[in-house]
Amino acid sequence: MVTPKIEREAESRNYGMFVISPLERGYGITLGNALRRVLLSSLEGAAVTSVRIVDVQHEFSEIPGVREDVIRVMLQIKKMRMILHDVDSARIHLEVRGSGMVTAADVIVPPEVEIVNPDLYLFTVDTRENPLEIEMVVERGRGYSQADERTGRLPIGELPVDAIFTPVRRVNWEVGSARVGQSTD
């Protein structure tokens, strides 16, 4: 048996391509499936777990002066990718005055929170007399956590959010033939 080598073919901030070869026949599929499952479900990450929007009591409300409704805003907030440094949870907030497009870069975060995708569009404010205030709780976790798991323990006015903690969004694997000596399987 030949010892497999792991090579890094491509790598950037949001992408990585690795080649493991050669493997025994049938091991590629087994290893590919196992790596995919681990990367998508078992890596620790951070996500927004609840949102409080001033003067909004439930997710079926509208936010005065905001083009999107509460559900659409929460869906966009769910797409924010963050890193928590040395803490298990943190509060972040957003205060919007005036009109215009609001992105994740507008969110005010403490030093222990880093927003990975600051260019993410959150919502648009058309007209608003009073400042719009949104407070979010970011927690560390693994895999996926439904909003229903937090419903009973949140204060009134704080809306639970489905949390996708894993930092990996997509995994793809491919098995091809490798040549070892005269054999290509």
N, C-alpha and C. Protein backbone atom coordinates (compact mmCIF):
# COMPACT_ATOMS: atom_id res chain seq x y z
N MET A 1 0.84 -1.19 0.00
CA MET A 1 0.00 0.00 0.00
C MET A 1 0.88 1.25 0.00
N VAL A 2 0.51 2.22 -0.81
CA VAL A 2 1.21 3.50 -0.90
C VAL A 2 0.57 4.46 0.10
N THR A 3 1.39 5.21 0.83
CA THR A 3 0.88 6.17 1.80
C THR A 3 0.26 7.36 1.06
N PRO A 4 -1.00 7.72 1.38
CA PRO A 4 -1.64 8.86 0.71
C PRO A 4 -0.99 10.18 1.12
N LYS A 5 -1.03 11.15 0.21
CA LYS A 5 -0.54 12.50 0.47
C LYS A 5 -1.71 13.46 0.38
N ILE A 6 -1.68 14.48 1.22
CA ILE A 6 -2.70 15.53 1.18
C ILE A 6 -2.03 16.77 0.62
N GLU A 7 -2.58 17.28 -0.49
CA GLU A 7 -2.03 18.48 -1.13
C GLU A 7 -3.09 19.57 -1.17
N ARG A 8 -2.66 20.78 -0.95
CA ARG A 8 -3.53 21.94 -1.03
C ARG A 8 -3.41 22.50 -2.45
N GLU A 9 -4.48 22.39 -3.23
CA GLU A 9 -4.44 22.86 -4.62
C GLU A 9 -4.82 24.32 -4.74
N ALA A 10 -5.79 24.76 -3.95
CA ALA A 10 -6.24 26.15 -4.00
C ALA A 10 -6.76 26.53 -2.63
N GLU A 11 -6.52 27.79 -2.25
CA GLU A 11 -7.01 28.24 -0.95
C GLU A 11 -7.17 29.75 -0.99
N SER A 12 -8.29 30.22 -0.45
CA SER A 12 -8.52 31.65 -0.27
C SER A 12 -9.31 31.81 1.03
N ARG A 13 -9.78 33.00 1.30
CA ARG A 13 -10.51 33.25 2.55
C ARG A 13 -11.80 32.41 2.62
N ASN A 14 -12.45 32.19 1.48
CA ASN A 14 -13.74 31.48 1.48
C ASN A 14 -13.74 30.20 0.67
N TYR A 15 -12.59 29.71 0.29
CA TYR A 15 -12.55 28.53 -0.57
C TYR A 15 -11.27 27.74 -0.33
N GLY A 16 -11.39 26.43 -0.39
CA GLY A 16 -10.21 25.58 -0.30
C GLY A 16 -10.43 24.33 -1.12
N MET A 17 -9.39 23.88 -1.82
CA MET A 17 -9.46 22.65 -2.60
C MET A 17 -8.26 21.80 -2.21
N PHE A 18 -8.55 20.58 -1.77
CA PHE A 18 -7.52 19.68 -1.29
C PHE A 18 -7.61 18.36 -2.04
N VAL A 19 -6.46 17.75 -2.31
CA VAL A 19 -6.40 16.47 -3.01
C VAL A 19 -5.73 15.45 -2.09
N ILE A 20 -6.39 14.32 -1.88
CA ILE A 20 -5.83 13.22 -1.10
C ILE A 20 -5.65 12.05 -2.05
N SER A 21 -4.41 11.64 -2.25
CA SER A 21 -4.18 10.52 -3.18
C SER A 21 -2.84 9.87 -2.89
N PRO A 22 -2.66 8.65 -3.27
CA PRO A 22 -3.68 7.70 -3.74
C PRO A 22 -4.36 7.03 -2.56
N LEU A 23 -5.58 6.55 -2.78
CA LEU A 23 -6.33 5.81 -1.77
C LEU A 23 -6.69 4.43 -2.32
N GLU A 24 -6.94 3.50 -1.42
CA GLU A 24 -7.40 2.18 -1.83
C GLU A 24 -8.76 2.32 -2.52
N ARG A 25 -9.06 1.39 -3.39
CA ARG A 25 -10.33 1.41 -4.12
C ARG A 25 -11.50 1.44 -3.12
N GLY A 26 -12.45 2.37 -3.33
CA GLY A 26 -13.63 2.51 -2.47
C GLY A 26 -13.45 3.46 -1.30
N TYR A 27 -12.22 3.80 -0.97
CA TYR A 27 -11.98 4.68 0.17
C TYR A 27 -12.32 6.14 -0.15
N GLY A 28 -12.23 6.53 -1.41
CA GLY A 28 -12.50 7.92 -1.79
C GLY A 28 -13.92 8.34 -1.44
N ILE A 29 -14.89 7.50 -1.78
CA ILE A 29 -16.29 7.81 -1.48
C ILE A 29 -16.52 7.83 0.03
N THR A 30 -15.97 6.85 0.72
CA THR A 30 -16.14 6.77 2.18
C THR A 30 -15.53 8.00 2.85
N LEU A 31 -14.33 8.35 2.48
CA LEU A 31 -13.65 9.50 3.07
C LEU A 31 -14.34 10.81 2.68
N GLY A 32 -14.76 10.93 1.42
CA GLY A 32 -15.45 12.13 0.96
C GLY A 32 -16.74 12.38 1.73
N ASN A 33 -17.55 11.34 1.90
CA ASN A 33 -18.81 11.48 2.65
C ASN A 33 -18.55 11.84 4.11
N ALA A 34 -17.58 11.19 4.73
CA ALA A 34 -17.28 11.46 6.13
C ALA A 34 -16.79 12.90 6.33
N LEU A 35 -15.88 13.36 5.48
CA LEU A 35 -15.38 14.73 5.58
C LEU A 35 -16.51 15.74 5.37
N ARG A 36 -17.36 15.49 4.39
CA ARG A 36 -18.48 16.39 4.12
C ARG A 36 -19.39 16.51 5.34
N ARG A 37 -19.74 15.39 5.93
CA ARG A 37 -20.64 15.41 7.09
C ARG A 37 -20.01 16.14 8.27
N VAL A 38 -18.74 15.90 8.52
CA VAL A 38 -18.05 16.57 9.63
C VAL A 38 -17.96 18.07 9.38
N LEU A 39 -17.57 18.47 8.17
CA LEU A 39 -17.42 19.90 7.87
C LEU A 39 -18.74 20.65 7.96
N LEU A 40 -19.84 20.02 7.57
CA LEU A 40 -21.14 20.71 7.59
C LEU A 40 -21.84 20.68 8.95
N SER A 41 -21.52 19.72 9.81
CA SER A 41 -22.31 19.61 11.04
C SER A 41 -21.52 19.73 12.34
N SER A 42 -20.23 19.57 12.31
CA SER A 42 -19.51 19.43 13.58
C SER A 42 -18.51 20.54 13.88
N LEU A 43 -18.29 21.47 12.97
CA LEU A 43 -17.36 22.55 13.25
C LEU A 43 -18.05 23.64 14.05
N GLU A 44 -17.34 24.20 15.00
CA GLU A 44 -17.90 25.25 15.84
C GLU A 44 -17.87 26.58 15.10
N GLY A 45 -18.91 27.36 15.31
CA GLY A 45 -18.99 28.68 14.69
C GLY A 45 -19.86 29.60 15.53
N ALA A 46 -20.20 30.76 14.97
CA ALA A 46 -21.02 31.74 15.68
C ALA A 46 -22.16 32.18 14.77
N ALA A 47 -23.30 32.48 15.39
CA ALA A 47 -24.47 32.93 14.63
C ALA A 47 -25.36 33.77 15.52
N VAL A 48 -26.19 34.60 14.89
CA VAL A 48 -27.19 35.38 15.61
C VAL A 48 -28.29 34.42 16.06
N THR A 49 -28.63 34.44 17.35
CA THR A 49 -29.66 33.53 17.87
C THR A 49 -30.95 34.25 18.26
N SER A 50 -30.89 35.57 18.47
CA SER A 50 -32.11 36.32 18.74
C SER A 50 -31.93 37.77 18.33
N VAL A 51 -33.08 38.41 18.05
CA VAL A 51 -33.09 39.79 17.58
C VAL A 51 -34.16 40.56 18.36
N ARG A 52 -33.83 41.78 18.74
CA ARG A 52 -34.82 42.68 19.35
C ARG A 52 -34.84 43.95 18.50
N ILE A 53 -36.02 44.24 17.95
CA ILE A 53 -36.20 45.45 17.16
C ILE A 53 -37.12 46.36 17.97
N VAL A 54 -36.67 47.56 18.27
CA VAL A 54 -37.44 48.48 19.10
C VAL A 54 -38.80 48.72 18.45
N ASP A 55 -39.86 48.66 19.25
CA ASP A 55 -41.25 48.86 18.84
C ASP A 55 -41.81 47.74 17.96
N VAL A 56 -41.17 46.58 17.93
CA VAL A 56 -41.69 45.42 17.19
C VAL A 56 -41.89 44.29 18.19
N GLN A 57 -43.11 43.74 18.24
CA GLN A 57 -43.42 42.70 19.22
C GLN A 57 -43.34 41.28 18.67
N HIS A 58 -43.53 41.11 17.35
CA HIS A 58 -43.48 39.76 16.77
C HIS A 58 -43.00 39.83 15.33
N GLU A 59 -42.64 38.66 14.79
CA GLU A 59 -42.01 38.60 13.47
C GLU A 59 -42.95 38.90 12.31
N PHE A 60 -44.26 38.99 12.56
CA PHE A 60 -45.20 39.27 11.48
C PHE A 60 -45.52 40.75 11.37
N SER A 61 -44.78 41.58 12.07
CA SER A 61 -44.98 43.03 12.05
C SER A 61 -44.25 43.65 10.87
N GLU A 62 -44.58 44.90 10.65
CA GLU A 62 -43.81 45.72 9.71
C GLU A 62 -43.00 46.70 10.53
N ILE A 63 -41.87 47.11 9.97
CA ILE A 63 -41.04 48.11 10.63
C ILE A 63 -41.31 49.43 9.92
N PRO A 64 -41.87 50.43 10.62
CA PRO A 64 -42.19 51.69 9.97
C PRO A 64 -40.97 52.31 9.28
N GLY A 65 -41.13 52.67 8.01
CA GLY A 65 -40.06 53.32 7.25
C GLY A 65 -39.06 52.38 6.63
N VAL A 66 -39.21 51.08 6.86
CA VAL A 66 -38.27 50.09 6.30
C VAL A 66 -38.98 49.34 5.18
N ARG A 67 -38.31 49.20 4.06
CA ARG A 67 -38.89 48.55 2.89
C ARG A 67 -39.27 47.09 3.15
N GLU A 68 -38.41 46.36 3.86
CA GLU A 68 -38.64 44.94 4.12
C GLU A 68 -39.43 44.75 5.42
N ASP A 69 -40.13 43.61 5.52
CA ASP A 69 -40.83 43.30 6.77
C ASP A 69 -39.85 42.61 7.73
N VAL A 70 -40.32 42.31 8.93
CA VAL A 70 -39.46 41.74 9.97
C VAL A 70 -38.89 40.39 9.55
N ILE A 71 -39.71 39.55 8.94
CA ILE A 71 -39.22 38.22 8.53
C ILE A 71 -38.08 38.35 7.54
N ARG A 72 -38.21 39.24 6.55
CA ARG A 72 -37.16 39.43 5.54
C ARG A 72 -35.89 39.97 6.20
N VAL A 73 -36.02 40.90 7.13
CA VAL A 73 -34.85 41.44 7.84
C VAL A 73 -34.16 40.33 8.64
N MET A 74 -34.96 39.49 9.31
CA MET A 74 -34.38 38.39 10.09
C MET A 74 -33.68 37.38 9.19
N LEU A 75 -34.23 37.12 8.01
CA LEU A 75 -33.58 36.21 7.07
C LEU A 75 -32.23 36.76 6.61
N GLN A 76 -32.15 38.06 6.41
CA GLN A 76 -30.87 38.68 6.01
C GLN A 76 -29.88 38.65 7.18
N ILE A 77 -30.36 38.93 8.38
CA ILE A 77 -29.49 38.91 9.56
C ILE A 77 -28.91 37.51 9.76
N LYS A 78 -29.72 36.49 9.46
CA LYS A 78 -29.28 35.10 9.59
C LYS A 78 -28.09 34.79 8.68
N LYS A 79 -27.93 35.55 7.61
CA LYS A 79 -26.84 35.32 6.66
C LYS A 79 -25.52 35.93 7.12
N MET A 80 -25.55 36.73 8.19
CA MET A 80 -24.31 37.33 8.68
C MET A 80 -23.38 36.25 9.21
N ARG A 81 -22.12 36.31 8.83
CA ARG A 81 -21.10 35.36 9.27
C ARG A 81 -20.17 36.08 10.23
N MET A 82 -19.99 35.49 11.41
CA MET A 82 -19.19 36.13 12.44
C MET A 82 -18.20 35.17 13.08
N ILE A 83 -17.20 35.75 13.71
CA ILE A 83 -16.24 35.00 14.51
C ILE A 83 -16.28 35.60 15.91
N LEU A 84 -16.44 34.75 16.92
CA LEU A 84 -16.36 35.18 18.32
C LEU A 84 -14.97 34.86 18.84
N HIS A 85 -14.28 35.87 19.35
CA HIS A 85 -12.94 35.68 19.90
C HIS A 85 -13.01 35.63 21.42
N ASP A 86 -12.67 34.49 22.02
CA ASP A 86 -12.52 34.33 23.47
C ASP A 86 -13.80 34.53 24.30
N VAL A 87 -14.99 34.49 23.69
CA VAL A 87 -16.25 34.56 24.43
C VAL A 87 -17.23 33.56 23.84
N ASP A 88 -18.25 33.20 24.62
CA ASP A 88 -19.27 32.27 24.13
C ASP A 88 -20.50 32.97 23.57
N SER A 89 -20.71 34.23 23.98
CA SER A 89 -21.83 35.00 23.44
C SER A 89 -21.51 36.48 23.55
N ALA A 90 -22.21 37.26 22.74
CA ALA A 90 -22.01 38.71 22.75
C ALA A 90 -23.27 39.39 22.22
N ARG A 91 -23.44 40.64 22.58
CA ARG A 91 -24.55 41.44 22.05
C ARG A 91 -23.97 42.43 21.05
N ILE A 92 -24.63 42.52 19.91
CA ILE A 92 -24.25 43.49 18.90
C ILE A 92 -25.48 44.33 18.59
N HIS A 93 -25.29 45.54 18.09
CA HIS A 93 -26.47 46.35 17.80
C HIS A 93 -26.27 47.21 16.56
N LEU A 94 -27.41 47.71 16.12
CA LEU A 94 -27.47 48.49 14.90
C LEU A 94 -28.36 49.69 15.18
N GLU A 95 -27.88 50.87 14.89
CA GLU A 95 -28.68 52.07 15.05
C GLU A 95 -28.63 52.83 13.73
N VAL A 96 -29.81 52.99 13.12
CA VAL A 96 -29.89 53.61 11.80
C VAL A 96 -30.62 54.93 11.92
N ARG A 97 -29.98 55.98 11.45
CA ARG A 97 -30.60 57.31 11.39
C ARG A 97 -30.66 57.72 9.92
N GLY A 98 -31.80 58.21 9.50
CA GLY A 98 -31.94 58.63 8.11
C GLY A 98 -32.32 57.47 7.21
N SER A 99 -32.18 57.70 5.90
CA SER A 99 -32.59 56.68 4.93
C SER A 99 -31.37 56.13 4.20
N GLY A 100 -31.58 55.01 3.51
CA GLY A 100 -30.51 54.41 2.73
C GLY A 100 -30.41 52.92 2.95
N MET A 101 -29.43 52.34 2.28
CA MET A 101 -29.20 50.91 2.35
C MET A 101 -28.36 50.59 3.60
N VAL A 102 -28.75 49.54 4.31
CA VAL A 102 -28.04 49.13 5.53
C VAL A 102 -27.36 47.80 5.26
N THR A 103 -26.06 47.72 5.59
CA THR A 103 -25.30 46.48 5.40
C THR A 103 -24.75 46.00 6.74
N ALA A 104 -24.16 44.82 6.73
CA ALA A 104 -23.57 44.27 7.96
C ALA A 104 -22.44 45.14 8.48
N ALA A 105 -21.82 45.94 7.63
CA ALA A 105 -20.75 46.85 8.06
C ALA A 105 -21.28 47.93 9.00
N ASP A 106 -22.59 48.20 8.96
CA ASP A 106 -23.19 49.22 9.82
C ASP A 106 -23.46 48.71 11.24
N VAL A 107 -23.33 47.41 11.46
CA VAL A 107 -23.58 46.82 12.77
C VAL A 107 -22.42 47.19 13.70
N ILE A 108 -22.75 47.63 14.89
CA ILE A 108 -21.74 48.01 15.88
C ILE A 108 -21.43 46.78 16.73
N VAL A 109 -20.17 46.36 16.70
CA VAL A 109 -19.76 45.14 17.38
C VAL A 109 -18.67 45.43 18.41
N PRO A 110 -18.65 44.67 19.51
CA PRO A 110 -17.55 44.80 20.47
C PRO A 110 -16.27 44.20 19.89
N PRO A 111 -15.13 44.43 20.51
CA PRO A 111 -13.85 43.94 19.97
C PRO A 111 -13.77 42.42 19.81
N GLU A 112 -14.54 41.67 20.60
CA GLU A 112 -14.45 40.21 20.51
C GLU A 112 -15.30 39.61 19.39
N VAL A 113 -16.00 40.44 18.63
CA VAL A 113 -16.82 39.96 17.51
C VAL A 113 -16.26 40.51 16.20
N GLU A 114 -16.12 39.62 15.23
CA GLU A 114 -15.65 40.02 13.89
C GLU A 114 -16.70 39.58 12.88
N ILE A 115 -17.16 40.53 12.05
CA ILE A 115 -18.11 40.20 10.99
C ILE A 115 -17.30 39.87 9.74
N VAL A 116 -17.50 38.66 9.23
CA VAL A 116 -16.70 38.15 8.11
C VAL A 116 -17.21 38.70 6.77
N ASN A 117 -18.51 38.94 6.66
CA ASN A 117 -19.09 39.43 5.40
C ASN A 117 -19.74 40.81 5.60
N PRO A 118 -18.94 41.86 5.80
CA PRO A 118 -19.50 43.18 6.08
C PRO A 118 -20.28 43.80 4.92
N ASP A 119 -20.11 43.30 3.71
CA ASP A 119 -20.83 43.85 2.56
C ASP A 119 -22.23 43.25 2.39
N LEU A 120 -22.66 42.37 3.29
CA LEU A 120 -23.97 41.74 3.21
C LEU A 120 -25.08 42.78 3.36
N TYR A 121 -25.99 42.82 2.39
CA TYR A 121 -27.15 43.71 2.44
C TYR A 121 -28.13 43.21 3.49
N LEU A 122 -28.59 44.09 4.37
CA LEU A 122 -29.56 43.71 5.40
C LEU A 122 -30.97 44.21 5.08
N PHE A 123 -31.11 45.51 4.82
CA PHE A 123 -32.42 46.09 4.49
C PHE A 123 -32.23 47.52 4.01
N THR A 124 -33.34 48.14 3.56
CA THR A 124 -33.32 49.52 3.11
C THR A 124 -34.30 50.34 3.93
N VAL A 125 -33.84 51.49 4.41
CA VAL A 125 -34.70 52.42 5.13
C VAL A 125 -35.11 53.49 4.13
N ASP A 126 -36.44 53.63 3.90
CA ASP A 126 -36.93 54.65 2.97
C ASP A 126 -37.08 55.99 3.67
N THR A 127 -37.93 56.03 4.66
CA THR A 127 -38.11 57.25 5.45
C THR A 127 -38.34 56.83 6.89
N ARG A 128 -37.76 57.58 7.79
CA ARG A 128 -37.94 57.24 9.20
C ARG A 128 -37.67 58.49 10.02
N GLU A 129 -38.61 58.81 10.91
CA GLU A 129 -38.44 59.98 11.77
C GLU A 129 -37.53 59.67 12.96
N ASN A 130 -37.76 58.53 13.59
CA ASN A 130 -36.97 58.14 14.76
C ASN A 130 -35.87 57.16 14.34
N PRO A 131 -34.78 57.11 15.09
CA PRO A 131 -33.74 56.12 14.76
C PRO A 131 -34.28 54.70 14.92
N LEU A 132 -33.82 53.81 14.06
CA LEU A 132 -34.18 52.40 14.14
C LEU A 132 -33.10 51.69 14.94
N GLU A 133 -33.51 50.99 15.99
CA GLU A 133 -32.56 50.29 16.85
C GLU A 133 -32.84 48.80 16.82
N ILE A 134 -31.80 48.03 16.52
CA ILE A 134 -31.89 46.57 16.50
C ILE A 134 -30.75 46.03 17.36
N GLU A 135 -31.10 45.14 18.28
CA GLU A 135 -30.09 44.49 19.11
C GLU A 135 -30.11 43.00 18.81
N MET A 136 -28.93 42.40 18.67
CA MET A 136 -28.83 40.97 18.34
C MET A 136 -27.93 40.26 19.33
N VAL A 137 -28.24 39.00 19.59
CA VAL A 137 -27.40 38.16 20.44
C VAL A 137 -26.68 37.17 19.53
N VAL A 138 -25.36 37.12 19.66
CA VAL A 138 -24.53 36.18 18.89
C VAL A 138 -24.02 35.14 19.86
N GLU A 139 -24.18 33.86 19.49
CA GLU A 139 -23.71 32.78 20.36
C GLU A 139 -22.84 31.82 19.57
N ARG A 140 -22.01 31.11 20.31
CA ARG A 140 -21.16 30.08 19.73
C ARG A 140 -21.92 28.76 19.76
N GLY A 141 -21.74 27.92 18.74
CA GLY A 141 -22.41 26.63 18.72
C GLY A 141 -21.93 25.76 17.57
N ARG A 142 -22.60 24.63 17.38
CA ARG A 142 -22.27 23.68 16.30
C ARG A 142 -23.52 23.35 15.51
N GLY A 143 -23.36 23.16 14.22
CA GLY A 143 -24.46 22.70 13.38
C GLY A 143 -25.57 23.72 13.24
N TYR A 144 -26.81 23.27 13.47
CA TYR A 144 -28.01 24.07 13.26
C TYR A 144 -28.87 24.04 14.51
N SER A 145 -29.45 25.17 14.87
CA SER A 145 -30.31 25.26 16.04
C SER A 145 -31.60 25.98 15.65
N GLN A 146 -32.74 25.33 15.83
CA GLN A 146 -34.02 25.94 15.48
C GLN A 146 -34.39 27.03 16.47
N ALA A 147 -35.12 28.02 15.97
CA ALA A 147 -35.57 29.12 16.81
C ALA A 147 -36.48 28.63 17.93
N ASP A 148 -37.25 27.57 17.67
CA ASP A 148 -38.18 27.03 18.67
C ASP A 148 -37.47 26.61 19.95
N GLU A 149 -36.20 26.23 19.86
CA GLU A 149 -35.44 25.79 21.03
C GLU A 149 -35.23 26.92 22.04
N ARG A 150 -35.33 28.18 21.58
CA ARG A 150 -35.08 29.33 22.45
C ARG A 150 -36.33 30.13 22.78
N THR A 151 -37.47 29.77 22.21
CA THR A 151 -38.69 30.58 22.34
C THR A 151 -39.08 30.84 23.79
N GLY A 152 -39.11 29.85 24.65
CA GLY A 152 -39.58 30.01 26.02
C GLY A 152 -38.66 30.78 26.94
N ARG A 153 -37.39 30.86 26.63
CA ARG A 153 -36.44 31.47 27.57
C ARG A 153 -36.04 32.90 27.20
N LEU A 154 -36.67 33.47 26.17
CA LEU A 154 -36.33 34.83 25.75
C LEU A 154 -37.30 35.84 26.36
N PRO A 155 -36.83 37.05 26.67
CA PRO A 155 -37.74 38.08 27.18
C PRO A 155 -38.73 38.51 26.09
N ILE A 156 -39.85 39.09 26.50
CA ILE A 156 -40.86 39.56 25.55
C ILE A 156 -40.23 40.61 24.65
N GLY A 157 -40.50 40.50 23.36
CA GLY A 157 -39.96 41.44 22.39
C GLY A 157 -38.68 40.97 21.72
N GLU A 158 -38.06 39.94 22.28
CA GLU A 158 -36.84 39.39 21.67
C GLU A 158 -37.26 38.19 20.83
N LEU A 159 -36.94 38.24 19.55
CA LEU A 159 -37.39 37.23 18.59
C LEU A 159 -36.30 36.20 18.34
N PRO A 160 -36.61 34.91 18.48
CA PRO A 160 -35.60 33.88 18.22
C PRO A 160 -35.33 33.73 16.73
N VAL A 161 -34.10 33.38 16.39
CA VAL A 161 -33.69 33.21 14.99
C VAL A 161 -33.10 31.81 14.83
N ASP A 162 -33.45 31.13 13.74
CA ASP A 162 -32.78 29.86 13.42
C ASP A 162 -31.30 30.16 13.24
N ALA A 163 -30.45 29.39 13.87
CA ALA A 163 -29.01 29.67 13.83
C ALA A 163 -28.27 28.57 13.09
N ILE A 164 -27.51 28.98 12.08
CA ILE A 164 -26.63 28.06 11.36
C ILE A 164 -25.22 28.40 11.82
N PHE A 165 -24.70 27.62 12.75
CA PHE A 165 -23.42 27.94 13.38
C PHE A 165 -22.22 27.58 12.51
N THR A 166 -22.31 26.53 11.72
CA THR A 166 -21.14 26.05 11.00
C THR A 166 -20.56 27.12 10.08
N PRO A 167 -19.25 27.31 10.12
CA PRO A 167 -18.62 28.30 9.23
C PRO A 167 -18.54 27.82 7.79
N VAL A 168 -18.77 26.54 7.55
CA VAL A 168 -18.69 25.97 6.19
C VAL A 168 -20.09 25.98 5.59
N ARG A 169 -20.24 26.55 4.41
CA ARG A 169 -21.54 26.64 3.76
C ARG A 169 -21.76 25.54 2.73
N ARG A 170 -20.72 25.12 2.05
CA ARG A 170 -20.87 24.15 0.98
C ARG A 170 -19.65 23.27 0.91
N VAL A 171 -19.87 21.97 0.73
CA VAL A 171 -18.77 21.01 0.58
C VAL A 171 -19.07 20.14 -0.63
N ASN A 172 -18.08 19.97 -1.45
CA ASN A 172 -18.21 19.11 -2.62
C ASN A 172 -16.98 18.21 -2.66
N TRP A 173 -17.16 16.98 -3.06
CA TRP A 173 -16.02 16.09 -3.21
C TRP A 173 -16.16 15.33 -4.52
N GLU A 174 -15.04 14.86 -5.00
CA GLU A 174 -15.00 14.17 -6.28
C GLU A 174 -13.96 13.07 -6.20
N VAL A 175 -14.28 11.91 -6.76
CA VAL A 175 -13.35 10.79 -6.77
C VAL A 175 -12.93 10.53 -8.21
N GLY A 176 -11.64 10.42 -8.42
CA GLY A 176 -11.11 10.11 -9.75
C GLY A 176 -10.10 8.97 -9.65
N SER A 177 -9.70 8.48 -10.81
CA SER A 177 -8.71 7.39 -10.84
C SER A 177 -7.32 7.95 -10.59
N ALA A 178 -6.51 7.18 -9.89
CA ALA A 178 -5.12 7.56 -9.63
C ALA A 178 -4.22 6.45 -10.15
N ARG A 179 -3.11 6.84 -10.71
CA ARG A 179 -2.17 5.84 -11.24
C ARG A 179 -1.09 5.58 -10.20
N VAL A 180 -0.95 4.31 -9.82
CA VAL A 180 0.11 3.87 -8.92
C VAL A 180 0.80 2.72 -9.62
N GLY A 181 2.00 2.97 -10.10
CA GLY A 181 2.72 1.95 -10.89
C GLY A 181 1.97 1.69 -12.19
N GLN A 182 1.59 0.45 -12.46
CA GLN A 182 0.86 0.10 -13.68
C GLN A 182 -0.66 0.09 -13.46
N SER A 183 -1.12 0.29 -12.23
CA SER A 183 -2.55 0.23 -11.92
C SER A 183 -3.17 1.63 -11.91
N THR A 184 -4.39 1.77 -12.46
CA THR A 184 -5.07 3.07 -12.49
C THR A 184 -6.39 3.06 -11.72
N ASP A 185 -6.59 2.13 -10.82
CA ASP A 185 -7.85 2.11 -10.08
C ASP A 185 -7.60 2.54 -8.66
